[in-house]
Amino acid sequence: MIGSLRGRIASKMPPQLTVEVGGVGYELEAPMSTFFHLPGLGEEVQLLTHLVVREDAHTLYGFGTEGERRLFRSLIKVSGVGPKIALALLSGISVSAFAECVQREDVSALTRVPGVGRKTAERLIVEMRDRLAAVPTQHGAPPTGDSATPESEAFGALVALGYRPAEATRLLKAVGPGTHSTEELIRRALQGAARE
């Protein structure tokens, strides 16, 4: 799996771009939220990536932040949502705004995104509620992406271990204040869970 690319931008034609790395040009598709922050042609860029393999194509997707990539990966797991709709969602709505739409069950905001009908929006709300570990929200989840902290990384790890977002938040709050590394936060949170 290709996890990230660092190279020079050879071409930009939204949603596609080419990044040249060591003489090899990688074609990627990226959401508009990433395109808005790309440097000019010939300049260096680093993007996080996700490779989608199908019978007829291998498509590489590029993202400017970890939050965008995590949300993309969560979206394509939803029944009926493929990479194209996931890109449209990331292009039409920010990661945090998407999380708020899901929390508020705001179907109309999601249906304003091209390609997202009412049934798809309702399915997104139902299926994404428990997958919002990767998404900053106003409901206790620590921030991700550019502002990643030991707390947000520990939160993501706990959710990856199977804890619900609310449980992960509660376990991390129980650790208490202090400057702890990600590993220490995870260890203390798991010890707290074992004592319950």
N, C-alpha and C. Protein backbone atom coordinates (compact mmCIF):
# COMPACT_ATOMS: atom_id res chain seq x y z
N MET A 1 0.86 -1.20 0.00
CA MET A 1 0.00 0.00 0.00
C MET A 1 0.89 1.24 0.00
N ILE A 2 0.54 2.21 -0.80
CA ILE A 2 1.26 3.48 -0.84
C ILE A 2 0.60 4.39 0.19
N GLY A 3 1.34 4.77 1.23
CA GLY A 3 0.76 5.56 2.32
C GLY A 3 0.89 7.06 2.14
N SER A 4 1.95 7.49 1.46
CA SER A 4 2.13 8.93 1.22
C SER A 4 3.10 9.13 0.05
N LEU A 5 3.07 10.31 -0.51
CA LEU A 5 3.97 10.69 -1.61
C LEU A 5 4.55 12.06 -1.32
N ARG A 6 5.84 12.21 -1.62
CA ARG A 6 6.46 13.54 -1.55
C ARG A 6 7.19 13.75 -2.88
N GLY A 7 6.83 14.80 -3.57
CA GLY A 7 7.46 15.08 -4.85
C GLY A 7 6.99 16.41 -5.39
N ARG A 8 7.24 16.62 -6.68
CA ARG A 8 6.87 17.88 -7.31
C ARG A 8 5.58 17.72 -8.11
N ILE A 9 4.76 18.75 -8.09
CA ILE A 9 3.50 18.71 -8.83
C ILE A 9 3.79 18.91 -10.31
N ALA A 10 3.44 17.89 -11.10
CA ALA A 10 3.67 17.95 -12.55
C ALA A 10 2.45 18.49 -13.28
N SER A 11 1.24 18.19 -12.77
CA SER A 11 0.03 18.72 -13.40
C SER A 11 -1.10 18.78 -12.38
N LYS A 12 -2.03 19.71 -12.62
CA LYS A 12 -3.21 19.86 -11.76
C LYS A 12 -4.41 20.14 -12.65
N MET A 13 -5.38 19.22 -12.65
CA MET A 13 -6.65 19.41 -13.34
C MET A 13 -7.72 18.77 -12.47
N PRO A 14 -8.30 19.55 -11.53
CA PRO A 14 -9.22 18.96 -10.55
C PRO A 14 -10.25 18.03 -11.17
N PRO A 15 -10.48 16.85 -10.56
CA PRO A 15 -9.92 16.39 -9.29
C PRO A 15 -8.61 15.63 -9.44
N GLN A 16 -7.95 15.68 -10.61
CA GLN A 16 -6.75 14.90 -10.82
C GLN A 16 -5.50 15.76 -10.74
N LEU A 17 -4.42 15.14 -10.27
CA LEU A 17 -3.12 15.78 -10.28
C LEU A 17 -2.07 14.70 -10.46
N THR A 18 -0.89 15.12 -10.88
CA THR A 18 0.23 14.20 -11.02
C THR A 18 1.37 14.70 -10.16
N VAL A 19 1.90 13.82 -9.33
CA VAL A 19 3.04 14.15 -8.49
C VAL A 19 4.22 13.31 -8.96
N GLU A 20 5.31 13.98 -9.33
CA GLU A 20 6.49 13.28 -9.80
C GLU A 20 7.41 13.00 -8.62
N VAL A 21 7.68 11.70 -8.43
CA VAL A 21 8.53 11.26 -7.32
C VAL A 21 9.66 10.43 -7.91
N GLY A 22 10.88 10.92 -7.84
CA GLY A 22 12.02 10.18 -8.33
C GLY A 22 11.90 9.77 -9.78
N GLY A 23 11.36 10.63 -10.62
CA GLY A 23 11.24 10.33 -12.03
C GLY A 23 9.99 9.56 -12.42
N VAL A 24 9.15 9.18 -11.45
CA VAL A 24 7.91 8.47 -11.72
C VAL A 24 6.74 9.40 -11.41
N GLY A 25 5.82 9.54 -12.36
CA GLY A 25 4.66 10.39 -12.15
C GLY A 25 3.48 9.59 -11.62
N TYR A 26 3.03 9.93 -10.42
CA TYR A 26 1.87 9.26 -9.81
C TYR A 26 0.63 10.09 -10.08
N GLU A 27 -0.36 9.48 -10.73
CA GLU A 27 -1.64 10.15 -10.94
C GLU A 27 -2.51 9.93 -9.71
N LEU A 28 -3.08 10.99 -9.19
CA LEU A 28 -3.94 10.93 -8.02
C LEU A 28 -5.23 11.67 -8.28
N GLU A 29 -6.24 11.31 -7.50
CA GLU A 29 -7.46 12.11 -7.45
C GLU A 29 -7.54 12.65 -6.03
N ALA A 30 -7.96 13.90 -5.90
CA ALA A 30 -7.99 14.54 -4.58
C ALA A 30 -9.24 15.39 -4.45
N PRO A 31 -9.75 15.51 -3.22
CA PRO A 31 -10.91 16.39 -3.00
C PRO A 31 -10.51 17.85 -3.15
N MET A 32 -11.48 18.70 -3.38
CA MET A 32 -11.21 20.12 -3.54
C MET A 32 -10.61 20.73 -2.27
N SER A 33 -10.94 20.17 -1.12
CA SER A 33 -10.36 20.67 0.13
C SER A 33 -8.84 20.54 0.13
N THR A 34 -8.33 19.52 -0.55
CA THR A 34 -6.88 19.36 -0.70
C THR A 34 -6.36 20.27 -1.81
N PHE A 35 -7.09 20.35 -2.93
CA PHE A 35 -6.66 21.17 -4.06
C PHE A 35 -6.45 22.62 -3.68
N PHE A 36 -7.32 23.15 -2.82
CA PHE A 36 -7.23 24.56 -2.44
C PHE A 36 -5.91 24.89 -1.77
N HIS A 37 -5.25 23.89 -1.17
CA HIS A 37 -4.02 24.14 -0.42
C HIS A 37 -2.76 23.65 -1.13
N LEU A 38 -2.90 23.20 -2.38
CA LEU A 38 -1.74 22.72 -3.12
C LEU A 38 -0.86 23.89 -3.56
N PRO A 39 0.46 23.69 -3.55
CA PRO A 39 1.35 24.73 -4.10
C PRO A 39 1.26 24.71 -5.63
N GLY A 40 1.99 25.59 -6.28
CA GLY A 40 1.95 25.71 -7.74
C GLY A 40 2.68 24.57 -8.44
N LEU A 41 2.53 24.54 -9.75
CA LEU A 41 3.21 23.54 -10.58
C LEU A 41 4.72 23.62 -10.37
N GLY A 42 5.35 22.45 -10.28
CA GLY A 42 6.79 22.39 -10.11
C GLY A 42 7.25 22.49 -8.66
N GLU A 43 6.32 22.83 -7.76
CA GLU A 43 6.69 22.96 -6.35
C GLU A 43 6.49 21.62 -5.63
N GLU A 44 7.19 21.48 -4.51
CA GLU A 44 7.14 20.22 -3.76
C GLU A 44 5.89 20.15 -2.90
N VAL A 45 5.36 18.93 -2.81
CA VAL A 45 4.16 18.68 -2.00
C VAL A 45 4.29 17.32 -1.34
N GLN A 46 3.67 17.17 -0.18
CA GLN A 46 3.56 15.85 0.44
C GLN A 46 2.07 15.59 0.68
N LEU A 47 1.62 14.43 0.20
CA LEU A 47 0.22 14.05 0.36
C LEU A 47 0.11 12.68 0.98
N LEU A 48 -0.90 12.51 1.83
CA LEU A 48 -1.25 11.18 2.34
C LEU A 48 -2.10 10.52 1.26
N THR A 49 -1.99 9.21 1.13
CA THR A 49 -2.69 8.55 0.03
C THR A 49 -3.49 7.34 0.48
N HIS A 50 -4.41 6.94 -0.39
CA HIS A 50 -5.17 5.71 -0.21
C HIS A 50 -5.34 5.08 -1.59
N LEU A 51 -4.98 3.81 -1.72
CA LEU A 51 -5.05 3.10 -2.99
C LEU A 51 -6.31 2.24 -3.03
N VAL A 52 -7.13 2.43 -4.06
CA VAL A 52 -8.32 1.62 -4.26
C VAL A 52 -8.05 0.69 -5.44
N VAL A 53 -8.13 -0.61 -5.19
CA VAL A 53 -7.86 -1.61 -6.22
C VAL A 53 -9.18 -2.23 -6.66
N ARG A 54 -9.43 -2.17 -7.97
CA ARG A 54 -10.61 -2.81 -8.56
C ARG A 54 -10.15 -3.68 -9.70
N GLU A 55 -11.07 -4.47 -10.23
CA GLU A 55 -10.74 -5.33 -11.37
C GLU A 55 -10.22 -4.52 -12.55
N ASP A 56 -10.84 -3.38 -12.82
CA ASP A 56 -10.52 -2.61 -14.01
C ASP A 56 -9.59 -1.42 -13.78
N ALA A 57 -9.22 -1.13 -12.53
CA ALA A 57 -8.37 0.04 -12.28
C ALA A 57 -7.77 0.03 -10.88
N HIS A 58 -6.61 0.64 -10.78
CA HIS A 58 -5.99 0.94 -9.48
C HIS A 58 -5.97 2.46 -9.40
N THR A 59 -6.68 3.03 -8.44
CA THR A 59 -6.78 4.49 -8.33
C THR A 59 -6.18 4.94 -7.02
N LEU A 60 -5.29 5.93 -7.11
CA LEU A 60 -4.64 6.48 -5.93
C LEU A 60 -5.31 7.81 -5.59
N TYR A 61 -5.72 7.96 -4.33
CA TYR A 61 -6.37 9.19 -3.86
C TYR A 61 -5.41 9.92 -2.93
N GLY A 62 -5.36 11.25 -3.05
CA GLY A 62 -4.44 12.05 -2.23
C GLY A 62 -5.19 12.99 -1.31
N PHE A 63 -4.60 13.21 -0.12
CA PHE A 63 -5.24 14.05 0.91
C PHE A 63 -4.21 14.92 1.60
N GLY A 64 -4.63 16.14 1.93
CA GLY A 64 -3.74 17.08 2.60
C GLY A 64 -3.62 16.84 4.09
N THR A 65 -4.63 16.21 4.71
CA THR A 65 -4.59 15.98 6.16
C THR A 65 -5.01 14.55 6.48
N GLU A 66 -4.58 14.10 7.65
CA GLU A 66 -4.95 12.77 8.11
C GLU A 66 -6.46 12.69 8.37
N GLY A 67 -7.05 13.79 8.83
CA GLY A 67 -8.50 13.81 9.07
C GLY A 67 -9.29 13.53 7.80
N GLU A 68 -8.86 14.13 6.68
CA GLU A 68 -9.54 13.89 5.40
C GLU A 68 -9.41 12.43 4.97
N ARG A 69 -8.19 11.87 5.10
CA ARG A 69 -7.99 10.49 4.68
C ARG A 69 -8.79 9.52 5.55
N ARG A 70 -8.83 9.77 6.85
CA ARG A 70 -9.60 8.88 7.74
C ARG A 70 -11.08 8.93 7.41
N LEU A 71 -11.59 10.13 7.15
CA LEU A 71 -13.01 10.24 6.80
C LEU A 71 -13.27 9.54 5.47
N PHE A 72 -12.41 9.71 4.49
CA PHE A 72 -12.56 9.03 3.20
C PHE A 72 -12.62 7.52 3.41
N ARG A 73 -11.70 6.98 4.21
CA ARG A 73 -11.66 5.54 4.45
C ARG A 73 -12.92 5.05 5.16
N SER A 74 -13.46 5.87 6.05
CA SER A 74 -14.71 5.49 6.73
C SER A 74 -15.89 5.55 5.77
N LEU A 75 -15.91 6.58 4.92
CA LEU A 75 -17.03 6.75 3.99
C LEU A 75 -17.14 5.60 3.00
N ILE A 76 -16.00 5.13 2.47
CA ILE A 76 -16.09 4.09 1.44
C ILE A 76 -16.47 2.73 2.03
N LYS A 77 -16.55 2.64 3.35
CA LYS A 77 -17.04 1.41 3.98
C LYS A 77 -18.56 1.40 4.10
N VAL A 78 -19.18 2.55 3.88
CA VAL A 78 -20.64 2.66 3.97
C VAL A 78 -21.25 2.06 2.71
N SER A 79 -22.26 1.24 2.90
CA SER A 79 -22.95 0.58 1.78
C SER A 79 -23.47 1.63 0.79
N GLY A 80 -23.11 1.46 -0.47
CA GLY A 80 -23.59 2.36 -1.51
C GLY A 80 -22.77 3.62 -1.69
N VAL A 81 -21.70 3.79 -0.91
CA VAL A 81 -20.84 4.96 -1.04
C VAL A 81 -19.48 4.50 -1.56
N GLY A 82 -19.17 4.93 -2.77
CA GLY A 82 -17.87 4.58 -3.34
C GLY A 82 -16.92 5.75 -3.25
N PRO A 83 -15.72 5.59 -3.81
CA PRO A 83 -14.73 6.66 -3.77
C PRO A 83 -15.21 7.97 -4.40
N LYS A 84 -16.00 7.88 -5.48
CA LYS A 84 -16.46 9.12 -6.15
C LYS A 84 -17.36 9.94 -5.22
N ILE A 85 -18.30 9.28 -4.55
CA ILE A 85 -19.19 10.01 -3.63
C ILE A 85 -18.38 10.51 -2.43
N ALA A 86 -17.44 9.68 -1.94
CA ALA A 86 -16.60 10.11 -0.81
C ALA A 86 -15.81 11.37 -1.18
N LEU A 87 -15.26 11.41 -2.41
CA LEU A 87 -14.53 12.61 -2.86
C LEU A 87 -15.46 13.81 -2.95
N ALA A 88 -16.68 13.58 -3.46
CA ALA A 88 -17.65 14.67 -3.58
C ALA A 88 -17.99 15.22 -2.19
N LEU A 89 -18.18 14.32 -1.22
CA LEU A 89 -18.48 14.77 0.14
C LEU A 89 -17.34 15.61 0.71
N LEU A 90 -16.10 15.13 0.55
CA LEU A 90 -14.96 15.88 1.07
C LEU A 90 -14.75 17.19 0.33
N SER A 91 -15.18 17.23 -0.93
CA SER A 91 -15.05 18.47 -1.70
C SER A 91 -16.13 19.48 -1.33
N GLY A 92 -17.30 18.98 -0.90
CA GLY A 92 -18.42 19.86 -0.64
C GLY A 92 -18.66 20.24 0.80
N ILE A 93 -17.95 19.57 1.71
CA ILE A 93 -18.19 19.81 3.13
C ILE A 93 -16.91 19.47 3.90
N SER A 94 -16.59 20.26 4.92
CA SER A 94 -15.37 20.01 5.69
C SER A 94 -15.55 18.79 6.59
N VAL A 95 -14.43 18.26 7.07
CA VAL A 95 -14.47 17.09 7.94
C VAL A 95 -15.31 17.37 9.19
N SER A 96 -15.06 18.52 9.82
CA SER A 96 -15.80 18.83 11.05
C SER A 96 -17.28 19.11 10.76
N ALA A 97 -17.57 19.76 9.62
CA ALA A 97 -18.97 20.03 9.27
C ALA A 97 -19.71 18.73 8.98
N PHE A 98 -19.03 17.77 8.37
CA PHE A 98 -19.66 16.47 8.12
C PHE A 98 -20.01 15.80 9.45
N ALA A 99 -19.09 15.84 10.39
CA ALA A 99 -19.34 15.24 11.71
C ALA A 99 -20.54 15.89 12.38
N GLU A 100 -20.65 17.21 12.26
CA GLU A 100 -21.79 17.92 12.86
C GLU A 100 -23.09 17.52 12.17
N CYS A 101 -23.06 17.36 10.85
CA CYS A 101 -24.27 16.92 10.12
C CYS A 101 -24.73 15.56 10.61
N VAL A 102 -23.79 14.66 10.83
CA VAL A 102 -24.15 13.32 11.31
C VAL A 102 -24.71 13.40 12.72
N GLN A 103 -24.05 14.17 13.59
CA GLN A 103 -24.52 14.29 14.98
C GLN A 103 -25.91 14.93 15.04
N ARG A 104 -26.17 15.93 14.18
CA ARG A 104 -27.46 16.62 14.19
C ARG A 104 -28.49 15.92 13.32
N GLU A 105 -28.06 14.83 12.60
CA GLU A 105 -28.93 14.11 11.67
C GLU A 105 -29.50 15.06 10.61
N ASP A 106 -28.62 15.90 10.06
CA ASP A 106 -29.00 16.92 9.09
C ASP A 106 -28.94 16.35 7.67
N VAL A 107 -30.01 15.68 7.26
CA VAL A 107 -30.08 15.04 5.95
C VAL A 107 -30.01 16.08 4.84
N SER A 108 -30.68 17.21 5.02
CA SER A 108 -30.74 18.21 3.95
C SER A 108 -29.36 18.78 3.62
N ALA A 109 -28.50 18.96 4.61
CA ALA A 109 -27.15 19.48 4.34
C ALA A 109 -26.34 18.48 3.51
N LEU A 110 -26.50 17.19 3.80
CA LEU A 110 -25.77 16.17 3.05
C LEU A 110 -26.29 16.03 1.62
N THR A 111 -27.61 16.19 1.43
CA THR A 111 -28.17 16.04 0.08
C THR A 111 -27.79 17.20 -0.83
N ARG A 112 -27.25 18.28 -0.28
CA ARG A 112 -26.78 19.39 -1.12
C ARG A 112 -25.48 19.04 -1.84
N VAL A 113 -24.81 17.97 -1.40
CA VAL A 113 -23.59 17.53 -2.06
C VAL A 113 -23.97 16.75 -3.32
N PRO A 114 -23.40 17.09 -4.47
CA PRO A 114 -23.75 16.38 -5.72
C PRO A 114 -23.52 14.87 -5.61
N GLY A 115 -24.52 14.10 -6.04
CA GLY A 115 -24.40 12.65 -6.01
C GLY A 115 -24.95 12.00 -4.76
N VAL A 116 -25.31 12.82 -3.77
CA VAL A 116 -25.84 12.28 -2.51
C VAL A 116 -27.34 12.52 -2.46
N GLY A 117 -28.11 11.44 -2.58
CA GLY A 117 -29.56 11.53 -2.48
C GLY A 117 -30.02 11.34 -1.04
N ARG A 118 -31.32 11.42 -0.85
CA ARG A 118 -31.87 11.33 0.50
C ARG A 118 -31.55 9.97 1.16
N LYS A 119 -31.72 8.88 0.42
CA LYS A 119 -31.46 7.56 1.00
C LYS A 119 -29.99 7.39 1.39
N THR A 120 -29.10 7.88 0.53
CA THR A 120 -27.66 7.79 0.83
C THR A 120 -27.34 8.64 2.06
N ALA A 121 -27.91 9.84 2.14
CA ALA A 121 -27.66 10.71 3.29
C ALA A 121 -28.15 10.05 4.58
N GLU A 122 -29.33 9.44 4.54
CA GLU A 122 -29.85 8.76 5.74
C GLU A 122 -28.96 7.59 6.13
N ARG A 123 -28.47 6.83 5.14
CA ARG A 123 -27.58 5.71 5.41
C ARG A 123 -26.26 6.20 6.01
N LEU A 124 -25.75 7.32 5.48
CA LEU A 124 -24.51 7.90 6.02
C LEU A 124 -24.67 8.26 7.50
N ILE A 125 -25.79 8.87 7.83
CA ILE A 125 -26.02 9.28 9.21
C ILE A 125 -26.08 8.07 10.13
N VAL A 126 -26.79 7.03 9.71
CA VAL A 126 -26.92 5.83 10.55
C VAL A 126 -25.58 5.11 10.70
N GLU A 127 -24.89 4.90 9.57
CA GLU A 127 -23.67 4.09 9.61
C GLU A 127 -22.44 4.84 10.11
N MET A 128 -22.43 6.17 9.98
CA MET A 128 -21.23 6.93 10.38
C MET A 128 -21.24 7.34 11.85
N ARG A 129 -22.37 7.19 12.53
CA ARG A 129 -22.41 7.60 13.95
C ARG A 129 -21.29 7.00 14.76
N ASP A 130 -21.07 5.69 14.60
CA ASP A 130 -20.06 5.00 15.40
C ASP A 130 -18.68 5.03 14.76
N ARG A 131 -18.56 5.64 13.59
CA ARG A 131 -17.26 5.67 12.91
C ARG A 131 -16.60 7.04 12.99
N LEU A 132 -17.13 7.92 13.80
CA LEU A 132 -16.63 9.29 13.82
C LEU A 132 -15.36 9.46 14.65
N ALA A 133 -14.66 8.38 14.95
CA ALA A 133 -13.42 8.49 15.72
C ALA A 133 -12.41 9.37 15.01
N ALA A 134 -12.45 9.34 13.69
CA ALA A 134 -11.45 10.08 12.92
C ALA A 134 -11.87 11.52 12.67
N VAL A 135 -13.02 11.91 13.19
CA VAL A 135 -13.58 13.20 12.84
C VAL A 135 -13.67 14.10 14.06
N PRO A 136 -13.11 15.31 14.01
CA PRO A 136 -13.28 16.22 15.13
C PRO A 136 -14.74 16.66 15.24
N THR A 137 -15.30 16.59 16.43
CA THR A 137 -16.68 16.99 16.63
C THR A 137 -16.77 17.91 17.84
N GLN A 138 -17.96 18.41 18.09
CA GLN A 138 -18.17 19.22 19.28
C GLN A 138 -18.70 18.36 20.43
N HIS A 139 -18.58 17.04 20.28
CA HIS A 139 -19.14 16.14 21.29
C HIS A 139 -18.08 15.34 22.01
N GLY A 140 -16.91 15.96 22.23
CA GLY A 140 -15.91 15.31 23.05
C GLY A 140 -14.79 14.62 22.33
N ALA A 141 -14.86 14.43 21.02
CA ALA A 141 -13.77 13.77 20.32
C ALA A 141 -12.62 14.74 20.15
N PRO A 142 -11.41 14.32 20.48
CA PRO A 142 -10.27 15.20 20.30
C PRO A 142 -10.03 15.49 18.82
N PRO A 143 -9.32 16.59 18.54
CA PRO A 143 -9.07 16.94 17.15
C PRO A 143 -8.09 15.99 16.49
N THR A 144 -8.15 15.94 15.15
CA THR A 144 -7.21 15.11 14.39
C THR A 144 -6.61 15.96 13.30
N GLY A 145 -5.87 15.31 12.40
CA GLY A 145 -5.32 16.02 11.26
C GLY A 145 -4.12 16.84 11.65
N ASP A 146 -4.09 18.11 11.18
CA ASP A 146 -2.93 18.96 11.39
C ASP A 146 -2.67 19.22 12.86
N SER A 147 -3.72 19.21 13.69
CA SER A 147 -3.55 19.53 15.10
C SER A 147 -3.51 18.27 15.96
N ALA A 148 -2.98 17.18 15.41
CA ALA A 148 -2.92 15.92 16.14
C ALA A 148 -2.11 16.10 17.42
N THR A 149 -2.63 15.57 18.51
CA THR A 149 -1.98 15.64 19.82
C THR A 149 -1.90 14.23 20.36
N PRO A 150 -1.12 14.02 21.44
CA PRO A 150 -1.12 12.69 22.05
C PRO A 150 -2.52 12.23 22.42
N GLU A 151 -3.38 13.18 22.88
CA GLU A 151 -4.75 12.81 23.25
C GLU A 151 -5.55 12.33 22.05
N SER A 152 -5.42 13.04 20.90
CA SER A 152 -6.19 12.63 19.72
C SER A 152 -5.67 11.31 19.15
N GLU A 153 -4.34 11.11 19.21
CA GLU A 153 -3.78 9.84 18.73
C GLU A 153 -4.21 8.68 19.62
N ALA A 154 -4.22 8.92 20.95
CA ALA A 154 -4.67 7.87 21.88
C ALA A 154 -6.15 7.58 21.66
N PHE A 155 -6.93 8.63 21.42
CA PHE A 155 -8.36 8.46 21.15
C PHE A 155 -8.56 7.57 19.92
N GLY A 156 -7.84 7.87 18.84
CA GLY A 156 -7.95 7.07 17.62
C GLY A 156 -7.54 5.62 17.85
N ALA A 157 -6.50 5.42 18.66
CA ALA A 157 -6.04 4.05 18.94
C ALA A 157 -7.08 3.28 19.74
N LEU A 158 -7.70 3.92 20.72
CA LEU A 158 -8.72 3.25 21.54
C LEU A 158 -9.93 2.86 20.68
N VAL A 159 -10.32 3.74 19.77
CA VAL A 159 -11.45 3.42 18.91
C VAL A 159 -11.08 2.29 17.96
N ALA A 160 -9.82 2.31 17.47
CA ALA A 160 -9.36 1.22 16.61
C ALA A 160 -9.36 -0.12 17.36
N LEU A 161 -9.21 -0.06 18.67
CA LEU A 161 -9.24 -1.28 19.49
C LEU A 161 -10.67 -1.75 19.77
N GLY A 162 -11.66 -0.96 19.35
CA GLY A 162 -13.05 -1.40 19.50
C GLY A 162 -13.88 -0.61 20.48
N TYR A 163 -13.28 0.39 21.14
CA TYR A 163 -14.07 1.21 22.07
C TYR A 163 -14.90 2.21 21.27
N ARG A 164 -16.13 2.46 21.73
CA ARG A 164 -16.96 3.48 21.09
C ARG A 164 -16.34 4.86 21.39
N PRO A 165 -16.56 5.86 20.50
CA PRO A 165 -15.98 7.18 20.73
C PRO A 165 -16.28 7.75 22.12
N ALA A 166 -17.51 7.60 22.59
CA ALA A 166 -17.86 8.14 23.92
C ALA A 166 -17.07 7.43 25.02
N GLU A 167 -16.90 6.10 24.89
CA GLU A 167 -16.13 5.35 25.88
C GLU A 167 -14.67 5.77 25.87
N ALA A 168 -14.11 5.94 24.67
CA ALA A 168 -12.71 6.35 24.55
C ALA A 168 -12.50 7.71 25.19
N THR A 169 -13.42 8.64 24.95
CA THR A 169 -13.32 9.97 25.55
C THR A 169 -13.36 9.88 27.07
N ARG A 170 -14.30 9.07 27.59
CA ARG A 170 -14.43 8.91 29.05
C ARG A 170 -13.16 8.32 29.66
N LEU A 171 -12.60 7.29 29.02
CA LEU A 171 -11.39 6.65 29.54
C LEU A 171 -10.21 7.61 29.55
N LEU A 172 -10.10 8.44 28.51
CA LEU A 172 -9.00 9.40 28.46
C LEU A 172 -9.18 10.51 29.48
N LYS A 173 -10.42 10.93 29.72
CA LYS A 173 -10.66 11.95 30.76
C LYS A 173 -10.31 11.40 32.13
N ALA A 174 -10.54 10.11 32.34
CA ALA A 174 -10.24 9.49 33.63
C ALA A 174 -8.74 9.44 33.91
N VAL A 175 -7.92 9.49 32.87
CA VAL A 175 -6.47 9.49 33.06
C VAL A 175 -6.06 10.75 33.81
N GLY A 176 -6.75 11.84 33.57
CA GLY A 176 -6.46 13.08 34.28
C GLY A 176 -5.48 13.95 33.53
N PRO A 177 -5.28 15.19 34.05
CA PRO A 177 -4.39 16.13 33.38
C PRO A 177 -2.93 15.72 33.52
N GLY A 178 -2.11 16.33 32.71
CA GLY A 178 -0.68 16.03 32.74
C GLY A 178 -0.16 15.89 31.33
N THR A 179 1.15 15.94 31.20
CA THR A 179 1.74 15.77 29.87
C THR A 179 2.18 14.33 29.72
N HIS A 180 1.35 13.56 29.04
CA HIS A 180 1.63 12.15 28.82
C HIS A 180 1.88 11.90 27.34
N SER A 181 2.71 10.93 27.03
CA SER A 181 2.90 10.52 25.64
C SER A 181 1.66 9.75 25.20
N THR A 182 1.54 9.56 23.90
CA THR A 182 0.43 8.78 23.35
C THR A 182 0.39 7.40 23.98
N GLU A 183 1.56 6.74 24.04
CA GLU A 183 1.63 5.38 24.57
C GLU A 183 1.20 5.33 26.03
N GLU A 184 1.64 6.33 26.81
CA GLU A 184 1.29 6.38 28.23
C GLU A 184 -0.21 6.59 28.41
N LEU A 185 -0.80 7.46 27.60
CA LEU A 185 -2.24 7.70 27.68
C LEU A 185 -3.01 6.41 27.37
N ILE A 186 -2.60 5.70 26.34
CA ILE A 186 -3.28 4.46 25.97
C ILE A 186 -3.15 3.44 27.10
N ARG A 187 -1.92 3.30 27.64
CA ARG A 187 -1.69 2.33 28.71
C ARG A 187 -2.56 2.64 29.93
N ARG A 188 -2.59 3.90 30.34
CA ARG A 188 -3.38 4.28 31.53
C ARG A 188 -4.88 4.12 31.27
N ALA A 189 -5.33 4.47 30.06
CA ALA A 189 -6.75 4.31 29.73
C ALA A 189 -7.15 2.84 29.77
N LEU A 190 -6.31 1.97 29.23
CA LEU A 190 -6.61 0.53 29.24
C LEU A 190 -6.57 -0.03 30.66
N GLN A 191 -5.65 0.47 31.48
CA GLN A 191 -5.62 0.04 32.88
C GLN A 191 -6.90 0.46 33.58
N GLY A 192 -7.37 1.67 33.29
CA GLY A 192 -8.62 2.14 33.88
C GLY A 192 -9.79 1.30 33.44
N ALA A 193 -9.81 0.91 32.17
CA ALA A 193 -10.89 0.08 31.65
C ALA A 193 -10.86 -1.30 32.32
N ALA A 194 -9.68 -1.83 32.58
CA ALA A 194 -9.55 -3.15 33.19
C ALA A 194 -10.04 -3.14 34.63
N ARG A 195 -9.91 -2.00 35.30
CA ARG A 195 -10.34 -1.89 36.70
C ARG A 195 -11.85 -1.77 36.83
N GLU A 196 -12.54 -1.41 35.75
CA GLU A 196 -14.00 -1.19 35.82
C GLU A 196 -14.75 -2.50 35.90
